[in-house]
PDB file of N, CA and C in Angstrom:
ATOM      1  N   MET A   1     -18.677 -38.500  41.231  1.00  0.00           N
ATOM      2  CA  MET A   1     -17.306 -38.050  41.307  1.00  0.00           C
ATOM      3  C   MET A   1     -16.757 -37.756  39.914  1.00  0.00           C
ATOM      4  N   ARG A   2     -17.070 -38.638  38.974  1.00  0.00           N
ATOM      5  CA  ARG A   2     -16.571 -38.459  37.609  1.00  0.00           C
ATOM      6  C   ARG A   2     -17.146 -37.182  36.987  1.00  0.00           C
ATOM      7  N   ASN A   3     -18.421 -36.897  37.252  1.00  0.00           N
ATOM      8  CA  ASN A   3     -19.044 -35.688  36.721  1.00  0.00           C
ATOM      9  C   ASN A   3     -18.394 -34.427  37.299  1.00  0.00           C
ATOM     10  N   ALA A   4     -18.010 -34.465  38.557  1.00  0.00           N
ATOM     11  CA  ALA A   4     -17.381 -33.309  39.187  1.00  0.00           C
ATOM     12  C   ALA A   4     -16.018 -33.036  38.557  1.00  0.00           C
ATOM     13  N   VAL A   5     -15.250 -34.079  38.288  1.00  0.00           N
ATOM     14  CA  VAL A   5     -13.943 -33.918  37.656  1.00  0.00           C
ATOM     15  C   VAL A   5     -14.107 -33.374  36.235  1.00  0.00           C
ATOM     16  N   THR A   6     -15.067 -33.896  35.499  1.00  0.00           N
ATOM     17  CA  THR A   6     -15.321 -33.434  34.137  1.00  0.00           C
ATOM     18  C   THR A   6     -15.734 -31.966  34.143  1.00  0.00           C
ATOM     19  N   LEU A   7     -16.604 -31.578  35.069  1.00  0.00           N
ATOM     20  CA  LEU A   7     -17.055 -30.201  35.172  1.00  0.00           C
ATOM     21  C   LEU A   7     -15.894 -29.277  35.529  1.00  0.00           C
ATOM     22  N   ALA A   8     -15.047 -29.680  36.447  1.00  0.00           N
ATOM     23  CA  ALA A   8     -13.899 -28.861  36.842  1.00  0.00           C
ATOM     24  C   ALA A   8     -12.915 -28.702  35.694  1.00  0.00           C
ATOM     25  N   LEU A   9     -12.679 -29.767  34.960  1.00  0.00           N
ATOM     26  CA  LEU A   9     -11.782 -29.720  33.813  1.00  0.00           C
ATOM     27  C   LEU A   9     -12.341 -28.811  32.717  1.00  0.00           C
ATOM     28  N   ALA A  10     -13.616 -28.906  32.449  1.00  0.00           N
ATOM     29  CA  ALA A  10     -14.252 -28.064  31.431  1.00  0.00           C
ATOM     30  C   ALA A  10     -14.189 -26.591  31.834  1.00  0.00           C
ATOM     31  N   ALA A  11     -14.417 -26.299  33.106  1.00  0.00           N
ATOM     32  CA  ALA A  11     -14.350 -24.917  33.581  1.00  0.00           C
ATOM     33  C   ALA A  11     -12.933 -24.370  33.466  1.00  0.00           C
ATOM     34  N   ALA A  12     -11.932 -25.178  33.791  1.00  0.00           N
ATOM     35  CA  ALA A  12     -10.538 -24.730  33.702  1.00  0.00           C
ATOM     36  C   ALA A  12     -10.138 -24.460  32.255  1.00  0.00           C
ATOM     37  N   LEU A  13     -10.548 -25.334  31.351  1.00  0.00           N
ATOM     38  CA  LEU A  13     -10.205 -25.149  29.939  1.00  0.00           C
ATOM     39  C   LEU A  13     -10.896 -23.928  29.337  1.00  0.00           C
ATOM     40  N   SER A  14     -12.143 -23.692  29.699  1.00  0.00           N
ATOM     41  CA  SER A  14     -12.843 -22.537  29.135  1.00  0.00           C
ATOM     42  C   SER A  14     -12.270 -21.234  29.683  1.00  0.00           C
ATOM     43  N   THR A  15     -11.847 -21.215  30.923  1.00  0.00           N
ATOM     44  CA  THR A  15     -11.233 -20.029  31.509  1.00  0.00           C
ATOM     45  C   THR A  15      -9.876 -19.758  30.871  1.00  0.00           C
ATOM     46  N   ALA A  16      -9.111 -20.794  30.593  1.00  0.00           N
ATOM     47  CA  ALA A  16      -7.794 -20.618  29.982  1.00  0.00           C
ATOM     48  C   ALA A  16      -7.912 -20.010  28.593  1.00  0.00           C
ATOM     49  N   SER A  17      -8.909 -20.404  27.842  1.00  0.00           N
ATOM     50  CA  SER A  17      -9.052 -19.852  26.495  1.00  0.00           C
ATOM     51  C   SER A  17      -9.464 -18.388  26.528  1.00  0.00           C
ATOM     52  N   LEU A  18     -10.247 -17.966  27.493  1.00  0.00           N
ATOM     53  CA  LEU A  18     -10.637 -16.557  27.600  1.00  0.00           C
ATOM     54  C   LEU A  18      -9.435 -15.684  27.940  1.00  0.00           C
ATOM     55  N   GLY A  19      -8.547 -16.166  28.733  1.00  0.00           N
ATOM     56  CA  GLY A  19      -7.337 -15.417  29.069  1.00  0.00           C
ATOM     57  C   GLY A  19      -6.472 -15.199  27.845  1.00  0.00           C
ATOM     58  N   GLY A  20      -6.417 -16.181  26.965  1.00  0.00           N
ATOM     59  CA  GLY A  20      -5.637 -16.049  25.738  1.00  0.00           C
ATOM     60  C   GLY A  20      -6.201 -14.995  24.811  1.00  0.00           C
ATOM     61  N   ILE A  21      -7.516 -14.887  24.758  1.00  0.00           N
ATOM     62  CA  ILE A  21      -8.161 -13.882  23.912  1.00  0.00           C
ATOM     63  C   ILE A  21      -7.850 -12.490  24.438  1.00  0.00           C
ATOM     64  N   ALA A  22      -7.935 -12.295  25.738  1.00  0.00           N
ATOM     65  CA  ALA A  22      -7.651 -10.989  26.320  1.00  0.00           C
ATOM     66  C   ALA A  22      -6.198 -10.604  26.078  1.00  0.00           C
ATOM     67  N   PHE A  23      -5.281 -11.537  26.188  1.00  0.00           N
ATOM     68  CA  PHE A  23      -3.875 -11.259  25.953  1.00  0.00           C
ATOM     69  C   PHE A  23      -3.647 -10.855  24.504  1.00  0.00           C
ATOM     70  N   ALA A  24      -4.277 -11.552  23.571  1.00  0.00           N
ATOM     71  CA  ALA A  24      -4.104 -11.239  22.155  1.00  0.00           C
ATOM     72  C   ALA A  24      -4.630  -9.846  21.843  1.00  0.00           C
ATOM     73  N   GLN A  25      -5.693  -9.433  22.484  1.00  0.00           N
ATOM     74  CA  GLN A  25      -6.237  -8.107  22.235  1.00  0.00           C
ATOM     75  C   GLN A  25      -5.288  -7.019  22.713  1.00  0.00           C
ATOM     76  N   THR A  26      -4.637  -7.222  23.837  1.00  0.00           N
ATOM     77  CA  THR A  26      -3.748  -6.184  24.341  1.00  0.00           C
ATOM     78  C   THR A  26      -2.457  -6.093  23.543  1.00  0.00           C
ATOM     79  N   THR A  27      -1.918  -7.215  23.073  1.00  0.00           N
ATOM     80  CA  THR A  27      -0.664  -7.145  22.342  1.00  0.00           C
ATOM     81  C   THR A  27      -0.846  -6.574  20.950  1.00  0.00           C
ATOM     82  N   SER A  28      -1.977  -6.807  20.302  1.00  0.00           N
ATOM     83  CA  SER A  28      -2.146  -6.288  18.947  1.00  0.00           C
ATOM     84  C   SER A  28      -2.204  -4.773  18.936  1.00  0.00           C
ATOM     85  N   SER A  29      -2.791  -4.154  19.935  1.00  0.00           N
ATOM     86  CA  SER A  29      -2.877  -2.698  19.934  1.00  0.00           C
ATOM     87  C   SER A  29      -1.511  -2.061  20.186  1.00  0.00           C
ATOM     88  N   THR A  30      -0.675  -2.668  21.027  1.00  0.00           N
ATOM     89  CA  THR A  30       0.638  -2.088  21.264  1.00  0.00           C
ATOM     90  C   THR A  30       1.573  -2.322  20.088  1.00  0.00           C
ATOM     91  N   THR A  31       1.412  -3.424  19.383  1.00  0.00           N
ATOM     92  CA  THR A  31       2.264  -3.709  18.235  1.00  0.00           C
ATOM     93  C   THR A  31       1.986  -2.721  17.115  1.00  0.00           C
ATOM     94  N   ALA A  32       0.746  -2.374  16.889  1.00  0.00           N
ATOM     95  CA  ALA A  32       0.399  -1.474  15.794  1.00  0.00           C
ATOM     96  C   ALA A  32       1.004  -0.092  15.992  1.00  0.00           C
ATOM     97  N   THR A  33       1.062   0.388  17.220  1.00  0.00           N
ATOM     98  CA  THR A  33       1.611   1.717  17.451  1.00  0.00           C
ATOM     99  C   THR A  33       3.133   1.708  17.470  1.00  0.00           C
ATOM    100  N   ALA A  34       3.736   0.566  17.744  1.00  0.00           N
ATOM    101  CA  ALA A  34       5.192   0.507  17.827  1.00  0.00           C
ATOM    102  C   ALA A  34       5.856   0.553  16.465  1.00  0.00           C
ATOM    103  N   THR A  35       5.143   0.217  15.393  1.00  0.00           N
ATOM    104  CA  THR A  35       5.738   0.173  14.062  1.00  0.00           C
ATOM    105  C   THR A  35       5.311   1.383  13.240  1.00  0.00           C
ATOM    106  N   SER A  36       5.600   2.574  13.740  1.00  0.00           N
ATOM    107  CA  SER A  36       5.195   3.774  13.024  1.00  0.00           C
ATOM    108  C   SER A  36       6.194   4.172  11.945  1.00  0.00           C
ATOM    109  N   ASP A  37       7.426   3.714  12.015  1.00  0.00           N
ATOM    110  CA  ASP A  37       8.434   4.059  11.021  1.00  0.00           C
ATOM    111  C   ASP A  37       8.180   3.279   9.736  1.00  0.00           C
ATOM    112  N   MET A  38       8.067   3.974   8.609  1.00  0.00           N
ATOM    113  CA  MET A  38       7.753   3.325   7.323  1.00  0.00           C
ATOM    114  C   MET A  38       8.832   2.338   6.927  1.00  0.00           C
ATOM    115  N   ASN A  39      10.095   2.621   7.204  1.00  0.00           N
ATOM    116  CA  ASN A  39      11.165   1.720   6.804  1.00  0.00           C
ATOM    117  C   ASN A  39      11.081   0.379   7.510  1.00  0.00           C
ATOM    118  N   ASP A  40      10.481   0.336   8.690  1.00  0.00           N
ATOM    119  CA  ASP A  40      10.288  -0.934   9.385  1.00  0.00           C
ATOM    120  C   ASP A  40       9.198  -1.763   8.726  1.00  0.00           C
ATOM    121  N   MET A  41       8.415  -1.145   7.868  1.00  0.00           N
ATOM    122  CA  MET A  41       7.296  -1.830   7.234  1.00  0.00           C
ATOM    123  C   MET A  41       7.589  -2.169   5.779  1.00  0.00           C
ATOM    124  N   ILE A  42       8.848  -2.129   5.395  1.00  0.00           N
ATOM    125  CA  ILE A  42       9.241  -2.483   4.031  1.00  0.00           C
ATOM    126  C   ILE A  42      10.116  -3.725   4.099  1.00  0.00           C
ATOM    127  N   ARG A  43       9.727  -4.729   3.334  1.00  0.00           N
ATOM    128  CA  ARG A  43      10.500  -5.975   3.286  1.00  0.00           C
ATOM    129  C   ARG A  43      10.893  -6.233   1.836  1.00  0.00           C
ATOM    130  N   ILE A  44      12.158  -6.499   1.611  1.00  0.00           N
ATOM    131  CA  ILE A  44      12.645  -6.787   0.266  1.00  0.00           C
ATOM    132  C   ILE A  44      12.861  -8.288   0.131  1.00  0.00           C
ATOM    133  N   VAL A  45      12.269  -8.871  -0.903  1.00  0.00           N
ATOM    134  CA  VAL A  45      12.398 -10.303  -1.157  1.00  0.00           C
ATOM    135  C   VAL A  45      13.083 -10.474  -2.506  1.00  0.00           C
ATOM    136  N   ARG A  46      14.214 -11.139  -2.484  1.00  0.00           N
ATOM    137  CA  ARG A  46      14.951 -11.395  -3.721  1.00  0.00           C
ATOM    138  C   ARG A  46      14.445 -12.697  -4.342  1.00  0.00           C
ATOM    139  N   ILE A  47      14.058 -12.620  -5.610  1.00  0.00           N
ATOM    140  CA  ILE A  47      13.542 -13.779  -6.318  1.00  0.00           C
ATOM    141  C   ILE A  47      14.699 -14.442  -7.055  1.00  0.00           C
ATOM    142  N   SER A  48      14.859 -15.723  -6.818  1.00  0.00           N
ATOM    143  CA  SER A  48      15.916 -16.489  -7.482  1.00  0.00           C
ATOM    144  C   SER A  48      15.335 -17.825  -7.913  1.00  0.00           C
ATOM    145  N   GLU A  49      16.190 -18.690  -8.457  1.00  0.00           N
ATOM    146  CA  GLU A  49      15.710 -20.008  -8.870  1.00  0.00           C
ATOM    147  C   GLU A  49      15.225 -20.820  -7.678  1.00  0.00           C
ATOM    148  N   ASN A  50      15.704 -20.507  -6.484  1.00  0.00           N
ATOM    149  CA  ASN A  50      15.328 -21.257  -5.283  1.00  0.00           C
ATOM    150  C   ASN A  50      14.035 -20.748  -4.663  1.00  0.00           C
ATOM    151  N   SER A  51      13.404 -19.765  -5.269  1.00  0.00           N
ATOM    152  CA  SER A  51      12.207 -19.163  -4.689  1.00  0.00           C
ATOM    153  C   SER A  51      11.005 -20.094  -4.666  1.00  0.00           C
ATOM    154  N   ASP A  52      11.041 -21.156  -5.456  1.00  0.00           N
ATOM    155  CA  ASP A  52       9.900 -22.069  -5.488  1.00  0.00           C
ATOM    156  C   ASP A  52      10.119 -23.283  -4.594  1.00  0.00           C
ATOM    157  N   SER A  53      10.880 -23.113  -3.533  1.00  0.00           N
ATOM    158  CA  SER A  53      11.160 -24.230  -2.622  1.00  0.00           C
ATOM    159  C   SER A  53       9.890 -24.655  -1.895  1.00  0.00           C
ATOM    160  N   ASP A  54       9.934 -25.832  -1.300  1.00  0.00           N
ATOM    161  CA  ASP A  54       8.789 -26.349  -0.555  1.00  0.00           C
ATOM    162  C   ASP A  54       8.740 -25.824   0.869  1.00  0.00           C
ATOM    163  N   ASP A  55       9.735 -25.058   1.272  1.00  0.00           N
ATOM    164  CA  ASP A  55       9.778 -24.507   2.619  1.00  0.00           C
ATOM    165  C   ASP A  55       8.672 -23.458   2.763  1.00  0.00           C
ATOM    166  N   ALA A  56       7.750 -23.667   3.668  1.00  0.00           N
ATOM    167  CA  ALA A  56       6.601 -22.774   3.819  1.00  0.00           C
ATOM    168  C   ALA A  56       7.014 -21.362   4.213  1.00  0.00           C
ATOM    169  N   ASN A  57       8.149 -21.190   4.874  1.00  0.00           N
ATOM    170  CA  ASN A  57       8.595 -19.869   5.296  1.00  0.00           C
ATOM    171  C   ASN A  57       9.237 -19.078   4.167  1.00  0.00           C
ATOM    172  N   ASN A  58       9.663 -19.728   3.114  1.00  0.00           N
ATOM    173  CA  ASN A  58      10.378 -19.059   2.040  1.00  0.00           C
ATOM    174  C   ASN A  58       9.634 -19.067   0.714  1.00  0.00           C
ATOM    175  N   GLN A  59       8.394 -19.455   0.698  1.00  0.00           N
ATOM    176  CA  GLN A  59       7.674 -19.539  -0.560  1.00  0.00           C
ATOM    177  C   GLN A  59       7.306 -18.149  -1.065  1.00  0.00           C
ATOM    178  N   VAL A  60       7.526 -17.943  -2.350  1.00  0.00           N
ATOM    179  CA  VAL A  60       7.124 -16.714  -3.017  1.00  0.00           C
ATOM    180  C   VAL A  60       5.919 -17.070  -3.883  1.00  0.00           C
ATOM    181  N   PRO A  61       4.826 -16.332  -3.742  1.00  0.00           N
ATOM    182  CA  PRO A  61       3.649 -16.645  -4.560  1.00  0.00           C
ATOM    183  C   PRO A  61       3.989 -16.644  -6.051  1.00  0.00           C
ATOM    184  N   GLU A  62       3.355 -17.525  -6.788  1.00  0.00           N
ATOM    185  CA  GLU A  62       3.627 -17.687  -8.222  1.00  0.00           C
ATOM    186  C   GLU A  62       3.460 -16.381  -8.985  1.00  0.00           C
ATOM    187  N   MET A  63       2.452 -15.600  -8.626  1.00  0.00           N
ATOM    188  CA  MET A  63       2.201 -14.350  -9.349  1.00  0.00           C
ATOM    189  C   MET A  63       3.331 -13.338  -9.198  1.00  0.00           C
ATOM    190  N   PHE A  64       4.195 -13.517  -8.175  1.00  0.00           N
ATOM    191  CA  PHE A  64       5.331 -12.621  -7.999  1.00  0.00           C
ATOM    192  C   PHE A  64       6.626 -13.227  -8.536  1.00  0.00           C
ATOM    193  N   GLN A  65       6.654 -14.528  -8.754  1.00  0.00           N
ATOM    194  CA  GLN A  65       7.840 -15.168  -9.334  1.00  0.00           C
ATOM    195  C   GLN A  65       7.981 -14.807 -10.807  1.00  0.00           C
ATOM    196  N   SER A  66       6.878 -14.732 -11.507  1.00  0.00           N
ATOM    197  CA  SER A  66       6.880 -14.391 -12.941  1.00  0.00           C
ATOM    198  C   SER A  66       5.779 -13.367 -13.207  1.00  0.00           C
ATOM    199  N   PRO A  67       5.951 -12.130 -12.737  1.00  0.00           N
ATOM    200  CA  PRO A  67       4.894 -11.138 -12.920  1.00  0.00           C
ATOM    201  C   PRO A  67       4.782 -10.683 -14.377  1.00  0.00           C
ATOM    202  N   THR A  68       3.629 -10.184 -14.724  1.00  0.00           N
ATOM    203  CA  THR A  68       3.424  -9.654 -16.073  1.00  0.00           C
ATOM    204  C   THR A  68       4.159  -8.322 -16.205  1.00  0.00           C
ATOM    205  N   ALA A  69       4.332  -7.875 -17.432  1.00  0.00           N
ATOM    206  CA  ALA A  69       5.002  -6.590 -17.679  1.00  0.00           C
ATOM    207  C   ALA A  69       4.221  -5.446 -17.047  1.00  0.00           C
ATOM    208  N   GLU A  70       2.897  -5.565 -17.041  1.00  0.00           N
ATOM    209  CA  GLU A  70       2.050  -4.522 -16.439  1.00  0.00           C
ATOM    210  C   GLU A  70       2.267  -4.434 -14.925  1.00  0.00           C
ATOM    211  N   VAL A  71       2.320  -5.579 -14.261  1.00  0.00           N
ATOM    212  CA  VAL A  71       2.542  -5.611 -12.811  1.00  0.00           C
ATOM    213  C   VAL A  71       3.907  -5.008 -12.484  1.00  0.00           C
ATOM    214  N   THR A  72       4.919  -5.353 -13.268  1.00  0.00           N
ATOM    215  CA  THR A  72       6.265  -4.831 -13.041  1.00  0.00           C
ATOM    216  C   THR A  72       6.303  -3.321 -13.262  1.00  0.00           C
ATOM    217  N   ALA A  73       5.650  -2.834 -14.307  1.00  0.00           N
ATOM    218  CA  ALA A  73       5.628  -1.394 -14.581  1.00  0.00           C
ATOM    219  C   ALA A  73       4.924  -0.634 -13.461  1.00  0.00           C
ATOM    220  N   GLU A  74       3.814  -1.182 -12.962  1.00  0.00           N
ATOM    221  CA  GLU A  74       3.095  -0.539 -11.851  1.00  0.00           C
ATOM    222  C   GLU A  74       3.950  -0.511 -10.587  1.00  0.00           C
ATOM    223  N   ALA A  75       4.661  -1.596 -10.323  1.00  0.00           N
ATOM    224  CA  ALA A  75       5.516  -1.669  -9.139  1.00  0.00           C
ATOM    225  C   ALA A  75       6.645  -0.643  -9.219  1.00  0.00           C
ATOM    226  N   GLN A  76       7.268  -0.541 -10.380  1.00  0.00           N
ATOM    227  CA  GLN A  76       8.367   0.417 -10.539  1.00  0.00           C
ATOM    228  C   GLN A  76       7.859   1.859 -10.442  1.00  0.00           C
ATOM    229  N   ALA A  77       6.660   2.113 -10.943  1.00  0.00           N
ATOM    230  CA  ALA A  77       6.072   3.448 -10.818  1.00  0.00           C
ATOM    231  C   ALA A  77       5.770   3.768  -9.353  1.00  0.00           C
ATOM    232  N   GLU A  78       5.290   2.784  -8.604  1.00  0.00           N
ATOM    233  CA  GLU A  78       5.005   2.995  -7.178  1.00  0.00           C
ATOM    234  C   GLU A  78       6.287   3.289  -6.408  1.00  0.00           C
ATOM    235  N   VAL A  79       7.366   2.603  -6.750  1.00  0.00           N
ATOM    236  CA  VAL A  79       8.649   2.858  -6.083  1.00  0.00           C
ATOM    237  C   VAL A  79       9.100   4.288  -6.360  1.00  0.00           C
ATOM    238  N   ARG A  80       9.010   4.707  -7.612  1.00  0.00           N
ATOM    239  CA  ARG A  80       9.439   6.065  -7.980  1.00  0.00           C
ATOM    240  C   ARG A  80       8.583   7.132  -7.290  1.00  0.00           C
ATOM    241  N   ALA A  81       7.320   6.822  -7.011  1.00  0.00           N
ATOM    242  CA  ALA A  81       6.404   7.778  -6.402  1.00  0.00           C
ATOM    243  C   ALA A  81       6.442   7.775  -4.872  1.00  0.00           C
ATOM    244  N   THR A  82       7.105   6.788  -4.275  1.00  0.00           N
ATOM    245  CA  THR A  82       7.122   6.668  -2.812  1.00  0.00           C
ATOM    246  C   THR A  82       8.555   6.839  -2.300  1.00  0.00           C
ATOM    247  N   PRO A  83       8.845   7.968  -1.677  1.00  0.00           N
ATOM    248  CA  PRO A  83      10.221   8.233  -1.214  1.00  0.00           C
ATOM    249  C   PRO A  83      10.771   7.171  -0.255  1.00  0.00           C
ATOM    250  N   ALA A  84       9.932   6.636   0.617  1.00  0.00           N
ATOM    251  CA  ALA A  84      10.409   5.628   1.567  1.00  0.00           C
ATOM    252  C   ALA A  84      10.842   4.349   0.852  1.00  0.00           C
ATOM    253  N   LEU A  85      10.083   3.944  -0.164  1.00  0.00           N
ATOM    254  CA  LEU A  85      10.455   2.754  -0.936  1.00  0.00           C
ATOM    255  C   LEU A  85      11.750   3.004  -1.707  1.00  0.00           C
ATOM    256  N   MET A  86      11.854   4.170  -2.316  1.00  0.00           N
ATOM    257  CA  MET A  86      13.048   4.519  -3.084  1.00  0.00           C
ATOM    258  C   MET A  86      14.276   4.538  -2.172  1.00  0.00           C
ATOM    259  N   ALA A  87      14.143   5.111  -0.987  1.00  0.00           N
ATOM    260  CA  ALA A  87      15.257   5.175  -0.041  1.00  0.00           C
ATOM    261  C   ALA A  87      15.687   3.782   0.408  1.00  0.00           C
ATOM    262  N   GLU A  88      14.717   2.908   0.649  1.00  0.00           N
ATOM    263  CA  GLU A  88      15.032   1.545   1.088  1.00  0.00           C
ATOM    264  C   GLU A  88      15.781   0.781  -0.003  1.00  0.00           C
ATOM    265  N   LEU A  89      15.367   0.949  -1.249  1.00  0.00           N
ATOM    266  CA  LEU A  89      16.064   0.286  -2.351  1.00  0.00           C
ATOM    267  C   LEU A  89      17.489   0.819  -2.499  1.00  0.00           C
ATOM    268  N   GLN A  90      17.650   2.131  -2.403  1.00  0.00           N
ATOM    269  CA  GLN A  90      18.976   2.721  -2.509  1.00  0.00           C
ATOM    270  C   GLN A  90      19.876   2.252  -1.363  1.00  0.00           C
ATOM    271  N   GLU A  91      19.299   2.135  -0.186  1.00  0.00           N
ATOM    272  CA  GLU A  91      20.047   1.667   0.982  1.00  0.00           C
ATOM    273  C   GLU A  91      20.562   0.241   0.786  1.00  0.00           C
ATOM    274  N   ASN A  92      19.822  -0.547   0.015  1.00  0.00           N
ATOM    275  CA  ASN A  92      20.200  -1.934  -0.247  1.00  0.00           C
ATOM    276  C   ASN A  92      20.859  -2.109  -1.616  1.00  0.00           C
ATOM    277  N   SER A  93      21.215  -1.001  -2.262  1.00  0.00           N
ATOM    278  CA  SER A  93      21.888  -1.006  -3.569  1.00  0.00           C
ATOM    279  C   SER A  93      21.093  -1.773  -4.628  1.00  0.00           C
ATOM    280  N   ILE A  94      19.800  -1.496  -4.688  1.00  0.00           N
ATOM    281  CA  ILE A  94      18.921  -2.142  -5.668  1.00  0.00           C
ATOM    282  C   ILE A  94      18.388  -1.069  -6.609  1.00  0.00           C
ATOM    283  N   GLU A  95      18.545  -1.298  -7.899  1.00  0.00           N
ATOM    284  CA  GLU A  95      18.037  -0.358  -8.893  1.00  0.00           C
ATOM    285  C   GLU A  95      16.539  -0.574  -9.103  1.00  0.00           C
ATOM    286  N   VAL A  96      15.847   0.496  -9.436  1.00  0.00           N
ATOM    287  CA  VAL A  96      14.404   0.428  -9.653  1.00  0.00           C
ATOM    288  C   VAL A  96      14.068  -0.563 -10.764  1.00  0.00           C
ATOM    289  N   ASP A  97      14.922  -0.670 -11.767  1.00  0.00           N
ATOM    290  CA  ASP A  97      14.669  -1.593 -12.874  1.00  0.00           C
ATOM    291  C   ASP A  97      14.656  -3.060 -12.433  1.00  0.00           C
ATOM    292  N   ASN A  98      15.170  -3.358 -11.252  1.00  0.00           N
ATOM    293  CA  ASN A  98      15.185  -4.729 -10.743  1.00  0.00           C
ATOM    294  C   ASN A  98      13.937  -5.070  -9.926  1.00  0.00           C
ATOM    295  N   VAL A  99      13.051  -4.103  -9.722  1.00  0.00           N
ATOM    296  CA  VAL A  99      11.807  -4.348  -8.992  1.00  0.00           C
ATOM    297  C   VAL A  99      10.843  -5.092  -9.908  1.00  0.00           C
ATOM    298  N   LEU A 100      10.346  -6.227  -9.435  1.00  0.00           N
ATOM    299  CA  LEU A 100       9.412  -7.039 -10.222  1.00  0.00           C
ATOM    300  C   LEU A 100       7.960  -6.806  -9.835  1.00  0.00           C
ATOM    301  N   ALA A 101       7.703  -6.691  -8.538  1.00  0.00           N
ATOM    302  CA  ALA A 101       6.323  -6.543  -8.064  1.00  0.00           C
ATOM    303  C   ALA A 101       6.344  -6.012  -6.639  1.00  0.00           C
ATOM    304  N   ILE A 102       5.214  -5.475  -6.219  1.00  0.00           N
ATOM    305  CA  ILE A 102       5.037  -5.003  -4.842  1.00  0.00           C
ATOM    306  C   ILE A 102       3.717  -5.545  -4.342  1.00  0.00           C
ATOM    307  N   ASP A 103       3.729  -6.017  -3.096  1.00  0.00           N
ATOM    308  CA  ASP A 103       2.523  -6.524  -2.456  1.00  0.00           C
ATOM    309  C   ASP A 103       2.339  -5.767  -1.147  1.00  0.00           C
ATOM    310  N   THR A 104       1.106  -5.650  -0.691  1.00  0.00           N
ATOM    311  CA  THR A 104       0.833  -5.020   0.592  1.00  0.00           C
ATOM    312  C   THR A 104       0.618  -6.109   1.625  1.00  0.00           C
ATOM    313  N   ALA A 105       1.380  -6.050   2.709  1.00  0.00           N
ATOM    314  CA  ALA A 105       1.292  -7.041   3.783  1.00  0.00           C
ATOM    315  C   ALA A 105       0.041  -6.797   4.622  1.00  0.00           C
ATOM    316  N   ALA A 106      -0.268  -7.745   5.477  1.00  0.00           N
ATOM    317  CA  ALA A 106      -1.447  -7.648   6.340  1.00  0.00           C
ATOM    318  C   ALA A 106      -1.367  -6.455   7.291  1.00  0.00           C
ATOM    319  N   ASN A 107      -0.152  -6.052   7.679  1.00  0.00           N
ATOM    320  CA  ASN A 107       0.000  -4.927   8.601  1.00  0.00           C
ATOM    321  C   ASN A 107       0.075  -3.588   7.874  1.00  0.00           C
ATOM    322  N   GLY A 108      -0.107  -3.597   6.541  1.00  0.00           N
ATOM    323  CA  GLY A 108      -0.069  -2.365   5.770  1.00  0.00           C
ATOM    324  C   GLY A 108       1.300  -2.059   5.197  1.00  0.00           C
ATOM    325  N   GLY A 109       2.302  -2.840   5.575  1.00  0.00           N
ATOM    326  CA  GLY A 109       3.647  -2.656   5.047  1.00  0.00           C
ATOM    327  C   GLY A 109       3.737  -3.131   3.614  1.00  0.00           C
ATOM    328  N   LYS A 110       4.871  -2.866   3.005  1.00  0.00           N
ATOM    329  CA  LYS A 110       5.076  -3.244   1.612  1.00  0.00           C
ATOM    330  C   LYS A 110       6.104  -4.366   1.514  1.00  0.00           C
ATOM    331  N   ILE A 111       5.835  -5.304   0.625  1.00  0.00           N
ATOM    332  CA  ILE A 111       6.776  -6.376   0.299  1.00  0.00           C
ATOM    333  C   ILE A 111       7.206  -6.117  -1.135  1.00  0.00           C
ATOM    334  N   VAL A 112       8.498  -5.838  -1.324  1.00  0.00           N
ATOM    335  CA  VAL A 112       9.031  -5.514  -2.646  1.00  0.00           C
ATOM    336  C   VAL A 112       9.781  -6.738  -3.159  1.00  0.00           C
ATOM    337  N   TYR A 113       9.334  -7.282  -4.282  1.00  0.00           N
ATOM    338  CA  TYR A 113       9.979  -8.438  -4.909  1.00  0.00           C
ATOM    339  C   TYR A 113      10.950  -7.931  -5.959  1.00  0.00           C
ATOM    340  N   VAL A 114      12.223  -8.321  -5.836  1.00  0.00           N
ATOM    341  CA  VAL A 114      13.262  -7.859  -6.756  1.00  0.00           C
ATOM    342  C   VAL A 114      14.018  -9.054  -7.325  1.00  0.00           C
ATOM    343  N   LYS A 115      14.656  -8.810  -8.491  1.00  0.00           N
ATOM    344  CA  LYS A 115      15.474  -9.871  -9.077  1.00  0.00           C
ATOM    345  C   LYS A 115      16.927  -9.598  -8.801  1.00  0.00           C
TER     346      LYS A 115
END
């Protein structure tokens, strides 16, 4: 009797995990096509003294908190060369000189770090 219960439980758990994989596959394909607008893929992060907090959701990587002059120059050049980035900064009243760094997100979007 104990073996039958264990077998039934194992079968139920393995089936549940397969359903989760199938669901994840279907949602990722629809999400990728839904975000075709470039402005939806631009995130502006303001760097302040509070940027080094212990909150995992608000942490800014160290390399973007104090970027080198070269990283900042490359980021500002990328903004000037990309109309969508320039428009997003203007929409948020941010001057190009305040751009510190740019990172590419996992979804291909841009994360612009500004002071």
